[in-house]
C-alpha atoms as a PDB file:
ATOM      1  CA  MET A   1     -19.304 -11.051 -12.957  1.00  0.00           C
ATOM      2  CA  VAL A   2     -20.711 -10.433  -9.466  1.00  0.00           C
ATOM      3  CA  HIS A   3     -18.754 -12.028  -6.625  1.00  0.00           C
ATOM      4  CA  PRO A   4     -20.943 -14.389  -4.533  1.00  0.00           C
ATOM      5  CA  THR A   5     -19.851 -12.838  -1.212  1.00  0.00           C
ATOM      6  CA  LYS A   6     -21.638  -9.758   0.102  1.00  0.00           C
ATOM      7  CA  PHE A   7     -18.716  -7.674   1.302  1.00  0.00           C
ATOM      8  CA  LYS A   8     -19.268  -5.361   4.260  1.00  0.00           C
ATOM      9  CA  ALA A   9     -16.028  -3.373   4.674  1.00  0.00           C
ATOM     10  CA  CYS A  10     -13.055  -2.129   2.659  1.00  0.00           C
ATOM     11  CA  LEU A  11      -9.441  -1.910   3.856  1.00  0.00           C
ATOM     12  CA  PHE A  12      -6.922   0.135   1.874  1.00  0.00           C
ATOM     13  CA  ASP A  13      -3.187   0.356   1.509  1.00  0.00           C
ATOM     14  CA  MET A  14      -2.102   3.932   0.718  1.00  0.00           C
ATOM     15  CA  ASP A  15       1.215   4.311  -1.141  1.00  0.00           C
ATOM     16  CA  GLY A  16       0.835   3.527  -4.822  1.00  0.00           C
ATOM     17  CA  LEU A  17      -2.842   2.681  -4.346  1.00  0.00           C
ATOM     18  CA  LEU A  18      -4.623   5.802  -3.066  1.00  0.00           C
ATOM     19  CA  LEU A  19      -1.753   8.230  -3.613  1.00  0.00           C
ATOM     20  CA  ASP A  20       0.918   8.409  -6.303  1.00  0.00           C
ATOM     21  CA  SER A  21       3.558   8.430  -3.570  1.00  0.00           C
ATOM     22  CA  GLU A  22       5.568   5.519  -4.983  1.00  0.00           C
ATOM     23  CA  THR A  23       6.845   7.962  -7.607  1.00  0.00           C
ATOM     24  CA  VAL A  24       8.372  10.052  -4.817  1.00  0.00           C
ATOM     25  CA  TYR A  25      10.231   7.027  -3.454  1.00  0.00           C
ATOM     26  CA  THR A  26      11.631   6.316  -6.914  1.00  0.00           C
ATOM     27  CA  ILE A  27      12.740   9.917  -7.450  1.00  0.00           C
ATOM     28  CA  SER A  28      14.313  10.300  -4.002  1.00  0.00           C
ATOM     29  CA  PHE A  29      16.314   7.064  -4.138  1.00  0.00           C
ATOM     30  CA  SER A  30      17.355   7.667  -7.742  1.00  0.00           C
ATOM     31  CA  ASP A  31      18.533  11.203  -6.970  1.00  0.00           C
ATOM     32  CA  ILE A  32      20.722   9.953  -4.113  1.00  0.00           C
ATOM     33  CA  LEU A  33      22.020   6.904  -5.993  1.00  0.00           C
ATOM     34  CA  ILE A  34      22.959   8.921  -9.080  1.00  0.00           C
ATOM     35  CA  ASN A  35      24.227  12.166  -7.577  1.00  0.00           C
ATOM     36  CA  LYS A  36      25.878  10.979  -4.361  1.00  0.00           C
ATOM     37  CA  PHE A  37      26.930   7.391  -5.066  1.00  0.00           C
ATOM     38  CA  ASN A  38      27.446   7.486  -8.850  1.00  0.00           C
ATOM     39  CA  ARG A  39      25.008   4.629  -9.540  1.00  0.00           C
ATOM     40  CA  LYS A  40      23.892   5.975 -12.890  1.00  0.00           C
ATOM     41  CA  GLU A  41      20.955   3.605 -13.366  1.00  0.00           C
ATOM     42  CA  GLY A  42      19.133   4.993 -10.321  1.00  0.00           C
ATOM     43  CA  LEU A  43      16.501   2.873  -8.582  1.00  0.00           C
ATOM     44  CA  THR A  44      15.482   0.077 -10.941  1.00  0.00           C
ATOM     45  CA  TRP A  45      12.203  -1.824 -10.730  1.00  0.00           C
ATOM     46  CA  ASP A  46      13.778  -5.148  -9.806  1.00  0.00           C
ATOM     47  CA  VAL A  47      15.054  -3.471  -6.624  1.00  0.00           C
ATOM     48  CA  LYS A  48      12.052  -1.209  -6.096  1.00  0.00           C
ATOM     49  CA  VAL A  49       9.624  -4.129  -5.807  1.00  0.00           C
ATOM     50  CA  GLN A  50      11.711  -5.473  -2.919  1.00  0.00           C
ATOM     51  CA  LEU A  51      11.186  -2.225  -0.990  1.00  0.00           C
ATOM     52  CA  GLN A  52       7.403  -2.166  -1.120  1.00  0.00           C
ATOM     53  CA  GLY A  53       5.841  -2.608   2.290  1.00  0.00           C
ATOM     54  CA  LEU A  54       9.155  -2.370   4.170  1.00  0.00           C
ATOM     55  CA  PRO A  55       9.828   0.193   6.930  1.00  0.00           C
ATOM     56  CA  GLY A  56      12.247   2.942   5.884  1.00  0.00           C
ATOM     57  CA  VAL A  57      15.518   1.722   7.406  1.00  0.00           C
ATOM     58  CA  LYS A  58      14.928  -1.865   6.257  1.00  0.00           C
ATOM     59  CA  ALA A  59      14.179  -0.621   2.745  1.00  0.00           C
ATOM     60  CA  CYS A  60      17.424   1.354   2.773  1.00  0.00           C
ATOM     61  CA  GLN A  61      19.367  -1.748   3.782  1.00  0.00           C
ATOM     62  CA  VAL A  62      17.961  -3.565   0.738  1.00  0.00           C
ATOM     63  CA  VAL A  63      19.170  -0.684  -1.452  1.00  0.00           C
ATOM     64  CA  ILE A  64      22.634  -0.837   0.129  1.00  0.00           C
ATOM     65  CA  ASP A  65      22.813  -4.595  -0.454  1.00  0.00           C
ATOM     66  CA  SER A  66      21.538  -4.304  -4.032  1.00  0.00           C
ATOM     67  CA  TYR A  67      23.910  -1.522  -5.108  1.00  0.00           C
ATOM     68  CA  GLY A  68      26.980  -2.503  -3.076  1.00  0.00           C
ATOM     69  CA  LEU A  69      27.009   0.607  -0.891  1.00  0.00           C
ATOM     70  CA  HIS A  70      28.289  -1.093   2.270  1.00  0.00           C
ATOM     71  CA  THR A  71      31.511   0.938   2.435  1.00  0.00           C
ATOM     72  CA  GLU A  72      29.838   4.203   1.419  1.00  0.00           C
ATOM     73  CA  THR A  73      26.873   4.607   3.760  1.00  0.00           C
ATOM     74  CA  THR A  74      24.688   2.957   6.386  1.00  0.00           C
ATOM     75  CA  ALA A  75      20.978   2.218   6.287  1.00  0.00           C
ATOM     76  CA  GLU A  76      20.361   4.917   8.886  1.00  0.00           C
ATOM     77  CA  GLU A  77      22.310   7.539   6.936  1.00  0.00           C
ATOM     78  CA  LEU A  78      20.660   6.615   3.634  1.00  0.00           C
ATOM     79  CA  TYR A  79      17.278   6.853   5.343  1.00  0.00           C
ATOM     80  CA  LYS A  80      18.084  10.411   6.482  1.00  0.00           C
ATOM     81  CA  LEU A  81      19.190  11.397   2.980  1.00  0.00           C
ATOM     82  CA  THR A  82      16.155   9.972   1.201  1.00  0.00           C
ATOM     83  CA  SER A  83      13.742  11.254   3.858  1.00  0.00           C
ATOM     84  CA  ALA A  84      15.023  14.808   3.412  1.00  0.00           C
ATOM     85  CA  ARG A  85      14.478  14.592  -0.347  1.00  0.00           C
ATOM     86  CA  GLN A  86      11.045  13.035   0.121  1.00  0.00           C
ATOM     87  CA  GLU A  87       9.919  15.812   2.448  1.00  0.00           C
ATOM     88  CA  GLU A  88      10.506  18.252  -0.406  1.00  0.00           C
ATOM     89  CA  LEU A  89       8.339  16.139  -2.699  1.00  0.00           C
ATOM     90  CA  TRP A  90       5.444  14.915  -0.510  1.00  0.00           C
ATOM     91  CA  PRO A  91       3.362  18.087  -1.013  1.00  0.00           C
ATOM     92  CA  THR A  92       3.314  17.345  -4.758  1.00  0.00           C
ATOM     93  CA  VAL A  93       1.740  13.885  -4.379  1.00  0.00           C
ATOM     94  CA  GLY A  94      -1.592  13.445  -6.154  1.00  0.00           C
ATOM     95  CA  VAL A  95      -4.573  11.126  -5.710  1.00  0.00           C
ATOM     96  CA  LEU A  96      -4.623   8.259  -8.206  1.00  0.00           C
ATOM     97  CA  PRO A  97      -7.463   7.931 -10.768  1.00  0.00           C
ATOM     98  CA  GLY A  98     -10.728   6.473  -9.487  1.00  0.00           C
ATOM     99  CA  VAL A  99      -9.825   6.791  -5.800  1.00  0.00           C
ATOM    100  CA  GLN A 100     -11.838   9.908  -4.954  1.00  0.00           C
ATOM    101  CA  GLU A 101     -14.969   8.489  -6.555  1.00  0.00           C
ATOM    102  CA  LEU A 102     -14.739   5.160  -4.722  1.00  0.00           C
ATOM    103  CA  ILE A 103     -14.086   6.628  -1.268  1.00  0.00           C
ATOM    104  CA  VAL A 104     -16.974   9.078  -1.675  1.00  0.00           C
ATOM    105  CA  TYR A 105     -19.221   6.197  -2.797  1.00  0.00           C
ATOM    106  CA  LEU A 106     -18.328   4.125   0.270  1.00  0.00           C
ATOM    107  CA  LYS A 107     -18.991   7.058   2.590  1.00  0.00           C
ATOM    108  CA  GLU A 108     -22.334   7.896   0.968  1.00  0.00           C
ATOM    109  CA  ASN A 109     -23.437   4.268   1.221  1.00  0.00           C
ATOM    110  CA  SER A 110     -22.305   3.808   4.849  1.00  0.00           C
ATOM    111  CA  ILE A 111     -19.754   1.127   3.966  1.00  0.00           C
ATOM    112  CA  PRO A 112     -16.973   1.293   6.582  1.00  0.00           C
ATOM    113  CA  SER A 113     -13.392   1.621   5.422  1.00  0.00           C
ATOM    114  CA  CYS A 114      -9.915   1.945   6.902  1.00  0.00           C
ATOM    115  CA  VAL A 115      -6.466   2.963   5.667  1.00  0.00           C
ATOM    116  CA  CYS A 116      -3.818   0.408   6.686  1.00  0.00           C
ATOM    117  CA  THR A 117      -0.427   1.783   5.674  1.00  0.00           C
ATOM    118  CA  SER A 118       3.157   0.838   6.472  1.00  0.00           C
ATOM    119  CA  SER A 119       4.002   4.555   6.461  1.00  0.00           C
ATOM    120  CA  TYR A 120       4.767   6.031   9.861  1.00  0.00           C
ATOM    121  CA  LYS A 121       2.374   8.673  11.194  1.00  0.00           C
ATOM    122  CA  ASN A 122       4.623  11.650  10.439  1.00  0.00           C
ATOM    123  CA  LYS A 123       5.019  10.573   6.807  1.00  0.00           C
ATOM    124  CA  TYR A 124       1.318   9.782   6.531  1.00  0.00           C
ATOM    125  CA  GLU A 125       0.586  13.362   7.567  1.00  0.00           C
ATOM    126  CA  LEU A 126       3.063  14.792   5.047  1.00  0.00           C
ATOM    127  CA  LYS A 127       1.723  12.670   2.196  1.00  0.00           C
ATOM    128  CA  THR A 128      -1.929  13.477   2.879  1.00  0.00           C
ATOM    129  CA  SER A 129      -1.468  17.179   3.692  1.00  0.00           C
ATOM    130  CA  ARG A 130      -3.036  18.307   0.393  1.00  0.00           C
ATOM    131  CA  HIS A 131      -5.855  15.765   0.583  1.00  0.00           C
ATOM    132  CA  ASP A 132      -7.338  16.326   4.020  1.00  0.00           C
ATOM    133  CA  ALA A 133     -10.943  16.301   2.783  1.00  0.00           C
ATOM    134  CA  LEU A 134     -10.493  12.909   1.127  1.00  0.00           C
ATOM    135  CA  PHE A 135      -8.891  11.229   4.125  1.00  0.00           C
ATOM    136  CA  LYS A 136     -11.508  12.638   6.513  1.00  0.00           C
ATOM    137  CA  LEU A 137     -13.973  10.359   4.718  1.00  0.00           C
ATOM    138  CA  PHE A 138     -12.329   7.428   6.534  1.00  0.00           C
ATOM    139  CA  ASP A 139     -13.771   8.791   9.827  1.00  0.00           C
ATOM    140  CA  GLY A 140     -10.473   8.464  11.664  1.00  0.00           C
ATOM    141  CA  ASN A 141      -9.974   4.828  10.678  1.00  0.00           C
ATOM    142  CA  ILE A 142      -6.259   5.102   9.973  1.00  0.00           C
ATOM    143  CA  ILE A 143      -3.594   2.554  10.966  1.00  0.00           C
ATOM    144  CA  THR A 144       0.032   3.590  10.452  1.00  0.00           C
ATOM    145  CA  GLY A 145       3.122   1.405  10.494  1.00  0.00           C
ATOM    146  CA  ASP A 146       4.490   2.820  13.749  1.00  0.00           C
ATOM    147  CA  ASN A 147       1.453   1.724  15.749  1.00  0.00           C
ATOM    148  CA  PRO A 148       2.980  -0.166  18.715  1.00  0.00           C
ATOM    149  CA  THR A 149       0.645  -3.112  18.181  1.00  0.00           C
ATOM    150  CA  ILE A 150       2.087  -3.925  14.754  1.00  0.00           C
ATOM    151  CA  VAL A 151       5.705  -2.731  14.915  1.00  0.00           C
ATOM    152  CA  GLY A 152       7.799  -5.655  13.704  1.00  0.00           C
ATOM    153  CA  LYS A 153       4.692  -7.338  12.276  1.00  0.00           C
ATOM    154  CA  GLY A 154       4.416  -5.536   8.949  1.00  0.00           C
ATOM    155  CA  LYS A 155       3.407  -6.837   5.544  1.00  0.00           C
ATOM    156  CA  PRO A 156       3.524  -9.578   4.285  1.00  0.00           C
ATOM    157  CA  LEU A 157       2.229 -10.560   7.740  1.00  0.00           C
ATOM    158  CA  PRO A 158      -1.543 -10.018   8.104  1.00  0.00           C
ATOM    159  CA  PHE A 159      -1.726  -8.124  11.396  1.00  0.00           C
ATOM    160  CA  ILE A 160      -2.295  -4.596  10.044  1.00  0.00           C
ATOM    161  CA  TRP A 161      -5.475  -5.719   8.247  1.00  0.00           C
ATOM    162  CA  TRP A 162      -6.850  -7.427  11.341  1.00  0.00           C
ATOM    163  CA  MET A 163      -6.148  -4.280  13.341  1.00  0.00           C
ATOM    164  CA  GLY A 164      -7.985  -2.167  10.770  1.00  0.00           C
ATOM    165  CA  LEU A 165     -10.992  -4.469  10.881  1.00  0.00           C
ATOM    166  CA  ASP A 166     -10.950  -4.456  14.696  1.00  0.00           C
ATOM    167  CA  MET A 167     -11.011  -0.652  14.610  1.00  0.00           C
ATOM    168  CA  ILE A 168     -14.101  -0.703  12.384  1.00  0.00           C
ATOM    169  CA  ASN A 169     -15.905  -3.334  14.466  1.00  0.00           C
ATOM    170  CA  ASN A 170     -15.106  -1.690  17.800  1.00  0.00           C
ATOM    171  CA  LYS A 171     -16.226   1.727  16.584  1.00  0.00           C
ATOM    172  CA  ASN A 172     -19.441   0.533  14.936  1.00  0.00           C
ATOM    173  CA  GLY A 173     -20.411  -2.326  17.236  1.00  0.00           C
ATOM    174  CA  THR A 174     -20.271  -4.767  14.327  1.00  0.00           C
ATOM    175  CA  GLU A 175     -18.848  -8.260  13.908  1.00  0.00           C
ATOM    176  CA  ILE A 176     -17.595  -8.126  10.335  1.00  0.00           C
ATOM    177  CA  LYS A 177     -15.329 -11.072   9.554  1.00  0.00           C
ATOM    178  CA  PRO A 178     -12.088 -10.934   7.526  1.00  0.00           C
ATOM    179  CA  GLU A 179     -13.682 -12.939   4.717  1.00  0.00           C
ATOM    180  CA  GLU A 180     -16.321 -10.189   4.420  1.00  0.00           C
ATOM    181  CA  CYS A 181     -13.638  -7.571   3.687  1.00  0.00           C
ATOM    182  CA  LEU A 182     -12.196  -6.314   0.444  1.00  0.00           C
ATOM    183  CA  ILE A 183      -8.501  -5.527   0.824  1.00  0.00           C
ATOM    184  CA  PHE A 184      -7.088  -3.085  -1.732  1.00  0.00           C
ATOM    185  CA  GLU A 185      -3.364  -3.321  -2.507  1.00  0.00           C
ATOM    186  CA  ASP A 186      -0.822  -2.447  -5.167  1.00  0.00           C
ATOM    187  CA  ALA A 187       2.253  -4.335  -3.903  1.00  0.00           C
ATOM    188  CA  LEU A 188       3.017  -8.052  -3.826  1.00  0.00           C
ATOM    189  CA  PRO A 189       3.778  -8.170  -0.057  1.00  0.00           C
ATOM    190  CA  GLY A 190       0.452  -6.440   0.510  1.00  0.00           C
ATOM    191  CA  PHE A 191      -1.390  -8.967  -1.628  1.00  0.00           C
ATOM    192  CA  ILE A 192       0.193 -11.809   0.331  1.00  0.00           C
ATOM    193  CA  SER A 193      -0.663 -10.179   3.662  1.00  0.00           C
ATOM    194  CA  GLY A 194      -4.254  -9.536   2.593  1.00  0.00           C
ATOM    195  CA  LYS A 195      -4.635 -13.133   1.492  1.00  0.00           C
ATOM    196  CA  ARG A 196      -3.183 -14.332   4.804  1.00  0.00           C
ATOM    197  CA  ALA A 197      -5.613 -12.059   6.658  1.00  0.00           C
ATOM    198  CA  GLY A 198      -8.510 -13.893   5.044  1.00  0.00           C
ATOM    199  CA  GLY A 199      -9.821 -11.030   2.912  1.00  0.00           C
ATOM    200  CA  TYR A 200     -10.504 -10.888  -0.816  1.00  0.00           C
ATOM    201  CA  VAL A 201      -7.731  -8.837  -2.404  1.00  0.00           C
ATOM    202  CA  ILE A 202      -8.295  -6.201  -5.058  1.00  0.00           C
ATOM    203  CA  TRP A 203      -4.811  -5.983  -6.559  1.00  0.00           C
ATOM    204  CA  ILE A 204      -3.906  -2.890  -8.582  1.00  0.00           C
ATOM    205  CA  PRO A 205      -0.169  -3.296  -9.266  1.00  0.00           C
ATOM    206  CA  ASP A 206       2.066  -1.079 -11.314  1.00  0.00           C
ATOM    207  CA  GLN A 207       2.406  -2.952 -14.591  1.00  0.00           C
ATOM    208  CA  ARG A 208       6.216  -2.639 -14.421  1.00  0.00           C
ATOM    209  CA  ALA A 209       6.165  -4.526 -11.126  1.00  0.00           C
ATOM    210  CA  LEU A 210       3.707  -7.107 -12.420  1.00  0.00           C
ATOM    211  CA  GLU A 211       6.006  -7.890 -15.357  1.00  0.00           C
ATOM    212  CA  LEU A 212       8.649  -9.100 -12.884  1.00  0.00           C
ATOM    213  CA  ILE A 213       6.329 -11.821 -11.554  1.00  0.00           C
ATOM    214  CA  SER A 214       5.811 -14.973 -13.606  1.00  0.00           C
ATOM    215  CA  LYS A 215       2.329 -15.692 -14.946  1.00  0.00           C
ATOM    216  CA  ASP A 216       2.299 -18.963 -13.015  1.00  0.00           C
ATOM    217  CA  GLU A 217       3.036 -17.131  -9.764  1.00  0.00           C
ATOM    218  CA  VAL A 218       0.319 -14.561 -10.452  1.00  0.00           C
ATOM    219  CA  ALA A 219      -2.182 -17.338 -11.184  1.00  0.00           C
ATOM    220  CA  LYS A 220      -1.212 -19.087  -7.954  1.00  0.00           C
ATOM    221  CA  LEU A 221      -1.691 -15.871  -5.973  1.00  0.00           C
ATOM    222  CA  VAL A 222      -5.147 -14.938  -7.227  1.00  0.00           C
ATOM    223  CA  GLY A 223      -6.298 -18.532  -7.746  1.00  0.00           C
ATOM    224  CA  PRO A 224      -7.319 -20.219 -11.007  1.00  0.00           C
ATOM    225  CA  SER A 225     -10.857 -18.851 -10.660  1.00  0.00           C
ATOM    226  CA  ASN A 226      -9.894 -15.626  -8.889  1.00  0.00           C
ATOM    227  CA  GLU A 227     -10.945 -17.122  -5.570  1.00  0.00           C
ATOM    228  CA  HIS A 228      -8.305 -15.149  -3.620  1.00  0.00           C
ATOM    229  CA  GLY A 229      -8.374 -11.864  -5.477  1.00  0.00           C
ATOM    230  CA  ARG A 230      -8.649 -10.023  -8.759  1.00  0.00           C
ATOM    231  CA  ILE A 231      -6.221  -7.825 -10.687  1.00  0.00           C
ATOM    232  CA  TYR A 232      -7.214  -4.431 -12.073  1.00  0.00           C
ATOM    233  CA  ASN A 233      -5.197  -1.939 -14.098  1.00  0.00           C
ATOM    234  CA  SER A 234      -6.626   1.027 -12.207  1.00  0.00           C
ATOM    235  CA  MET A 235      -9.093   1.862  -9.455  1.00  0.00           C
ATOM    236  CA  GLU A 236     -11.229   3.325 -12.244  1.00  0.00           C
ATOM    237  CA  GLU A 237     -11.968  -0.233 -13.411  1.00  0.00           C
ATOM    238  CA  PHE A 238     -13.307  -1.340 -10.021  1.00  0.00           C
ATOM    239  CA  GLN A 239     -17.112  -1.517  -9.844  1.00  0.00           C
ATOM    240  CA  PRO A 240     -18.611  -1.657  -6.312  1.00  0.00           C
ATOM    241  CA  ALA A 241     -21.726  -3.432  -7.585  1.00  0.00           C
ATOM    242  CA  ASP A 242     -19.586  -6.420  -8.604  1.00  0.00           C
ATOM    243  CA  TYR A 243     -18.943  -6.994  -4.885  1.00  0.00           C
ATOM    244  CA  SER A 244     -22.423  -6.147  -3.569  1.00  0.00           C
ATOM    245  CA  LEU A 245     -21.205  -2.864  -2.115  1.00  0.00           C
END
């Protein structure tokens, strides 16, 4: 079914949506939890979903609270430990199915796009190091979580999406409105922030995360007639023509 709005721009989260980098977070935290702190279950999904969209140190504090590590480490120390492990793994991160095809399509059809990620610039560069050609298709439209304008205003607040749209409009001399944007997300805080920003959210969650949200809550988020967004299993399912792209 074709959406009635003619969308004019696309804004993208990165981790778990464009890149399979969420796997690295799971591995790094699990390695530390199991091998250093003897938490044999590793990072479980009920905790992992609470970390999505959070800056590194805040995410580590959630892990400390969830696993009772208060007497064993600090958020800053845990962040150093997990960051070191992640740096070993970032070069292995792959592009998720359907992403390459969509970004190329947008570029070829002159549809502006922007990456709006909570990752700080140094981690963005590590994660994308093997995929330079793909990320060049965004024409420099990249917002990272350490941008001074949005520090302390991360997801689920809407500011990063507005900043991404402002970047597109300022560069192209356009006046695209938030309601004319598709916002692509995999995480619940990102969906909420995209909805608050006024965009239409294309939600591609990990099914293990989705199972932790009640069906009533999911229905409330997307709307009874999908007026706020639509859920897909993979970017491969997304069809640009359904949104007049």
